[in-house]
Amino acid sequence: MTFETRSGALTGTVVKLNPKRAVVECPTASWRVPYSTLRHECDTLKNKRAQRMQRLTEVADQARQLMTRYGLSDWSFKFSGARKQLGSCNFTNRQIIVSRIAVINQTPDQITDVILHEIAHALAGWEAGHGPKWKSIAIQLGATPKSFTPLSKEIAEAEQIIKAKIKIGDMVTFEDRNGQIHEGIVLRKNPMTVKIKCPENIWLVPYMRLSMFQNTQQT
């Protein structure tokens, strides 16, 4: 179960049910918590996942509408797992591609800009690159007429926060590419990924996929 304290959210196991409060055993202490403030961890993760899926659905619908509006009805749209590329235009497969992580971390206006940016590439043609022809079309569509750099600063800062926060032995939760939630213990911190031991497998997970943390080490 999860509950809020003045220092932040804590997660623990209910060990006793009193008339007005539950006794919740956490890694560092036991807490007596009012029932009204307890949240089941599965419900919390389920809600987060539902919000993400709703946002992804909204972006996919928006992208297809914009593609149809600008004459790309015979093109398809898909999401990628890219962490450092906002979007791309695949001329071979005739696809507009947007990063799932970008959708979660960027504002709606920024994602609209990404979609229009890639539509402009499709209309300008591969050989146009980010040259004058592409810039002219991007301006007509209302997109920012400049090349996107990777999520760079925002992603880098977020990754540094996560890297500093987790430790070997911590319990972490993450979502795989199929939307399944897993929980496991950090075995090793690599430069780009974390080695996590779950009951069913060992995973190498990018830092940005870790959605919550629980320190299991005794202090």
Protein backbone atom coordinates (compact mmCIF):
# COMPACT_ATOMS: atom_id res chain seq x y z
CA MET A 1 0.00 0.00 0.00
CA THR A 2 1.07 3.60 -0.60
CA PHE A 3 0.36 6.63 1.59
CA GLU A 4 1.51 10.23 1.84
CA THR A 5 3.68 11.68 4.62
CA ARG A 6 5.12 15.15 5.07
CA SER A 7 8.36 13.97 3.48
CA GLY A 8 6.67 12.27 0.53
CA ALA A 9 4.98 9.02 -0.47
CA LEU A 10 5.86 5.75 1.25
CA THR A 11 5.08 2.18 0.26
CA GLY A 12 4.73 -0.72 2.66
CA THR A 13 2.81 -3.82 3.70
CA VAL A 14 -0.28 -3.80 5.91
CA VAL A 15 0.51 -5.94 8.98
CA LYS A 16 -2.42 -5.07 11.27
CA LEU A 17 -5.94 -3.66 10.93
CA ASN A 18 -7.05 -1.46 13.83
CA PRO A 19 -10.53 0.14 14.09
CA LYS A 20 -9.45 3.51 12.66
CA ARG A 21 -5.93 2.97 11.32
CA ALA A 22 -3.89 0.30 9.61
CA VAL A 23 -0.38 -0.56 10.71
CA VAL A 24 1.84 -0.41 7.63
CA GLU A 25 5.33 -1.92 7.77
CA CYS A 26 7.81 0.11 5.68
CA PRO A 27 11.52 -0.63 5.13
CA THR A 28 12.62 1.80 7.84
CA ALA A 29 9.67 2.03 10.24
CA SER A 30 6.07 1.06 11.01
CA TRP A 31 3.29 3.60 10.49
CA ARG A 32 -0.30 3.88 11.74
CA VAL A 33 -2.16 5.19 8.73
CA PRO A 34 -5.83 6.31 8.44
CA TYR A 35 -7.69 4.06 5.99
CA SER A 36 -8.83 7.06 3.95
CA THR A 37 -5.25 7.91 3.00
CA LEU A 38 -4.17 4.42 1.88
CA ARG A 39 -3.81 3.71 -1.85
CA HIS A 40 -3.32 0.26 -3.25
CA GLU A 41 -0.17 0.26 -5.34
CA CYS A 42 -1.78 -1.72 -8.16
CA ASP A 43 -4.53 0.90 -8.43
CA THR A 44 -1.98 3.72 -8.50
CA LEU A 45 0.02 2.08 -11.28
CA LYS A 46 -3.14 1.17 -13.15
CA ASN A 47 -4.31 4.80 -13.05
CA LYS A 48 -0.95 6.07 -14.27
CA ARG A 49 -0.93 3.57 -17.10
CA ALA A 50 -4.51 4.50 -18.07
CA GLN A 51 -3.57 8.20 -18.19
CA ARG A 52 -0.58 7.44 -20.41
CA MET A 53 -2.62 5.28 -22.75
CA GLN A 54 -5.29 7.98 -23.03
CA ARG A 55 -2.64 10.57 -23.88
CA LEU A 56 -1.04 8.30 -26.49
CA THR A 57 -4.44 7.65 -28.06
CA GLU A 58 -5.14 11.38 -28.23
CA VAL A 59 -1.79 12.06 -29.91
CA ALA A 60 -2.26 9.24 -32.43
CA ASP A 61 -5.71 10.57 -33.36
CA GLN A 62 -4.36 14.11 -33.66
CA ALA A 63 -1.47 12.97 -35.85
CA ARG A 64 -3.74 11.07 -38.25
CA GLN A 65 -6.10 14.04 -38.51
CA LEU A 66 -3.23 16.41 -39.32
CA MET A 67 -1.73 13.95 -41.81
CA THR A 68 -5.07 13.68 -43.61
CA ARG A 69 -5.52 17.46 -43.58
CA TYR A 70 -2.18 17.96 -45.31
CA GLY A 71 -2.54 15.22 -47.90
CA LEU A 72 -0.79 12.32 -46.19
CA SER A 73 -3.82 10.05 -45.86
CA ASP A 74 -1.85 7.23 -47.49
CA TRP A 75 0.87 7.50 -44.83
CA SER A 76 0.71 5.73 -41.46
CA PHE A 77 1.55 6.87 -37.94
CA LYS A 78 3.28 5.01 -35.14
CA PHE A 79 5.08 5.53 -31.83
CA SER A 80 8.70 4.63 -31.15
CA GLY A 81 10.58 3.86 -27.96
CA ALA A 82 13.23 6.49 -28.74
CA ARG A 83 14.55 8.34 -25.71
CA LYS A 84 16.61 10.97 -27.50
CA GLN A 85 14.64 11.63 -30.67
CA LEU A 86 11.34 13.46 -30.56
CA GLY A 87 10.12 12.28 -33.93
CA SER A 88 11.14 11.09 -37.37
CA CYS A 89 9.85 10.72 -40.92
CA ASN A 90 10.34 7.32 -42.56
CA PHE A 91 10.15 7.85 -46.32
CA THR A 92 10.66 4.16 -47.12
CA ASN A 93 7.65 2.98 -45.10
CA ARG A 94 5.79 6.29 -45.47
CA GLN A 95 5.42 6.72 -41.72
CA ILE A 96 5.35 9.64 -39.31
CA ILE A 97 6.90 8.52 -36.02
CA VAL A 98 6.78 10.17 -32.57
CA SER A 99 8.54 9.07 -29.38
CA ARG A 100 6.29 7.72 -26.62
CA ILE A 101 8.61 9.24 -24.03
CA ALA A 102 8.31 12.62 -25.74
CA VAL A 103 4.52 12.38 -25.51
CA ILE A 104 4.71 11.71 -21.76
CA ASN A 105 7.33 14.37 -21.00
CA GLN A 106 6.47 17.17 -23.43
CA THR A 107 3.51 19.55 -23.45
CA PRO A 108 0.62 19.09 -25.94
CA ASP A 109 1.80 22.15 -27.91
CA GLN A 110 5.31 20.70 -28.19
CA ILE A 111 3.99 17.38 -29.46
CA THR A 112 1.81 19.15 -32.04
CA ASP A 113 4.95 20.94 -33.19
CA VAL A 114 6.77 17.60 -33.50
CA ILE A 115 3.97 16.12 -35.62
CA LEU A 116 3.85 19.16 -37.92
CA HIS A 117 7.65 19.15 -38.14
CA GLU A 118 7.62 15.57 -39.46
CA ILE A 119 4.67 16.22 -41.78
CA ALA A 120 6.69 19.06 -43.28
CA HIS A 121 9.51 16.57 -43.96
CA ALA A 122 7.09 14.22 -45.71
CA LEU A 123 5.78 17.04 -47.91
CA ALA A 124 9.22 18.49 -48.68
CA GLY A 125 10.80 15.16 -49.57
CA TRP A 126 13.88 13.36 -48.29
CA GLU A 127 16.34 15.44 -50.30
CA ALA A 128 15.11 18.70 -48.72
CA GLY A 129 16.55 17.91 -45.30
CA HIS A 130 16.18 20.95 -43.07
CA GLY A 131 16.89 23.29 -45.95
CA PRO A 132 14.88 26.24 -47.37
CA LYS A 133 12.15 24.11 -48.96
CA TRP A 134 11.44 22.26 -45.72
CA LYS A 135 11.58 25.47 -43.67
CA SER A 136 9.09 27.16 -45.99
CA ILE A 137 6.63 24.27 -45.64
CA ALA A 138 7.17 24.06 -41.87
CA ILE A 139 6.30 27.76 -41.52
CA GLN A 140 3.16 27.30 -43.62
CA LEU A 141 2.05 24.44 -41.36
CA GLY A 142 2.82 26.41 -38.21
CA ALA A 143 5.77 24.25 -37.12
CA THR A 144 8.99 25.58 -35.63
CA PRO A 145 11.29 25.93 -38.67
CA LYS A 146 14.40 24.47 -37.13
CA SER A 147 15.93 21.05 -36.60
CA PHE A 148 14.99 19.32 -33.38
CA THR A 149 17.83 18.26 -31.16
CA PRO A 150 17.23 15.21 -28.97
CA LEU A 151 15.24 15.58 -25.76
CA SER A 152 18.77 16.38 -24.55
CA LYS A 153 18.62 18.80 -21.65
CA GLU A 154 15.28 17.72 -20.22
CA ILE A 155 15.95 14.00 -20.58
CA ALA A 156 19.54 14.34 -19.40
CA GLU A 157 18.47 16.23 -16.29
CA ALA A 158 15.70 13.73 -15.56
CA GLU A 159 18.09 10.81 -15.98
CA GLN A 160 20.60 12.41 -13.63
CA ILE A 161 17.92 12.83 -10.98
CA ILE A 162 16.95 9.18 -11.28
CA LYS A 163 20.56 7.99 -11.29
CA ALA A 164 21.27 9.95 -8.12
CA LYS A 165 18.11 8.73 -6.41
CA ILE A 166 18.28 4.98 -6.88
CA LYS A 167 20.81 2.68 -5.25
CA ILE A 168 21.77 -0.95 -5.64
CA GLY A 169 19.27 -2.94 -3.62
CA ASP A 170 16.38 -0.54 -4.18
CA MET A 171 13.00 -1.88 -5.24
CA VAL A 172 11.90 -0.24 -8.49
CA THR A 173 8.83 -0.46 -10.71
CA PHE A 174 8.85 -0.06 -14.49
CA GLU A 175 6.66 -0.58 -17.54
CA ASP A 176 7.89 -2.71 -20.44
CA ARG A 177 7.24 -2.01 -24.14
CA ASN A 178 4.04 -4.06 -24.01
CA GLY A 179 2.62 -1.97 -21.19
CA GLN A 180 3.15 -4.63 -18.52
CA ILE A 181 4.20 -3.48 -15.05
CA HIS A 182 7.18 -5.19 -13.40
CA GLU A 183 8.78 -4.81 -9.99
CA GLY A 184 12.27 -5.86 -9.05
CA ILE A 185 15.51 -5.12 -7.23
CA VAL A 186 18.35 -3.05 -8.68
CA LEU A 187 21.41 -5.27 -9.16
CA ARG A 188 23.63 -2.84 -11.05
CA LYS A 189 23.61 0.71 -12.42
CA ASN A 190 25.04 0.96 -15.94
CA PRO A 191 25.66 4.22 -17.82
CA MET A 192 22.43 3.95 -19.84
CA THR A 193 20.43 1.19 -18.16
CA VAL A 194 19.71 -0.42 -14.81
CA LYS A 195 20.04 -4.18 -14.29
CA ILE A 196 16.91 -5.27 -12.42
CA LYS A 197 16.13 -8.69 -10.98
CA CYS A 198 12.41 -9.49 -11.16
CA PRO A 199 10.75 -12.70 -10.00
CA GLU A 200 10.36 -13.89 -13.59
CA ASN A 201 13.46 -12.49 -15.29
CA ILE A 202 16.42 -10.09 -15.24
CA TRP A 203 15.92 -6.86 -17.19
CA LEU A 204 18.10 -4.07 -18.52
CA VAL A 205 15.88 -1.01 -18.24
CA PRO A 206 16.58 2.60 -19.37
CA TYR A 207 16.51 5.02 -16.44
CA MET A 208 13.60 6.95 -17.91
CA ARG A 209 11.35 3.87 -17.73
CA LEU A 210 11.62 3.67 -13.95
CA SER A 211 8.38 5.14 -12.67
CA MET A 212 8.70 4.85 -8.88
CA PHE A 213 11.24 4.02 -6.24
CA GLN A 214 11.25 2.29 -2.89
CA ASN A 215 14.44 2.10 -0.87
CA THR A 216 14.72 -1.37 0.62
CA GLN A 217 18.07 -0.82 2.33
CA GLN A 218 18.14 -0.45 6.09
CA THR A 219 19.65 2.78 7.45
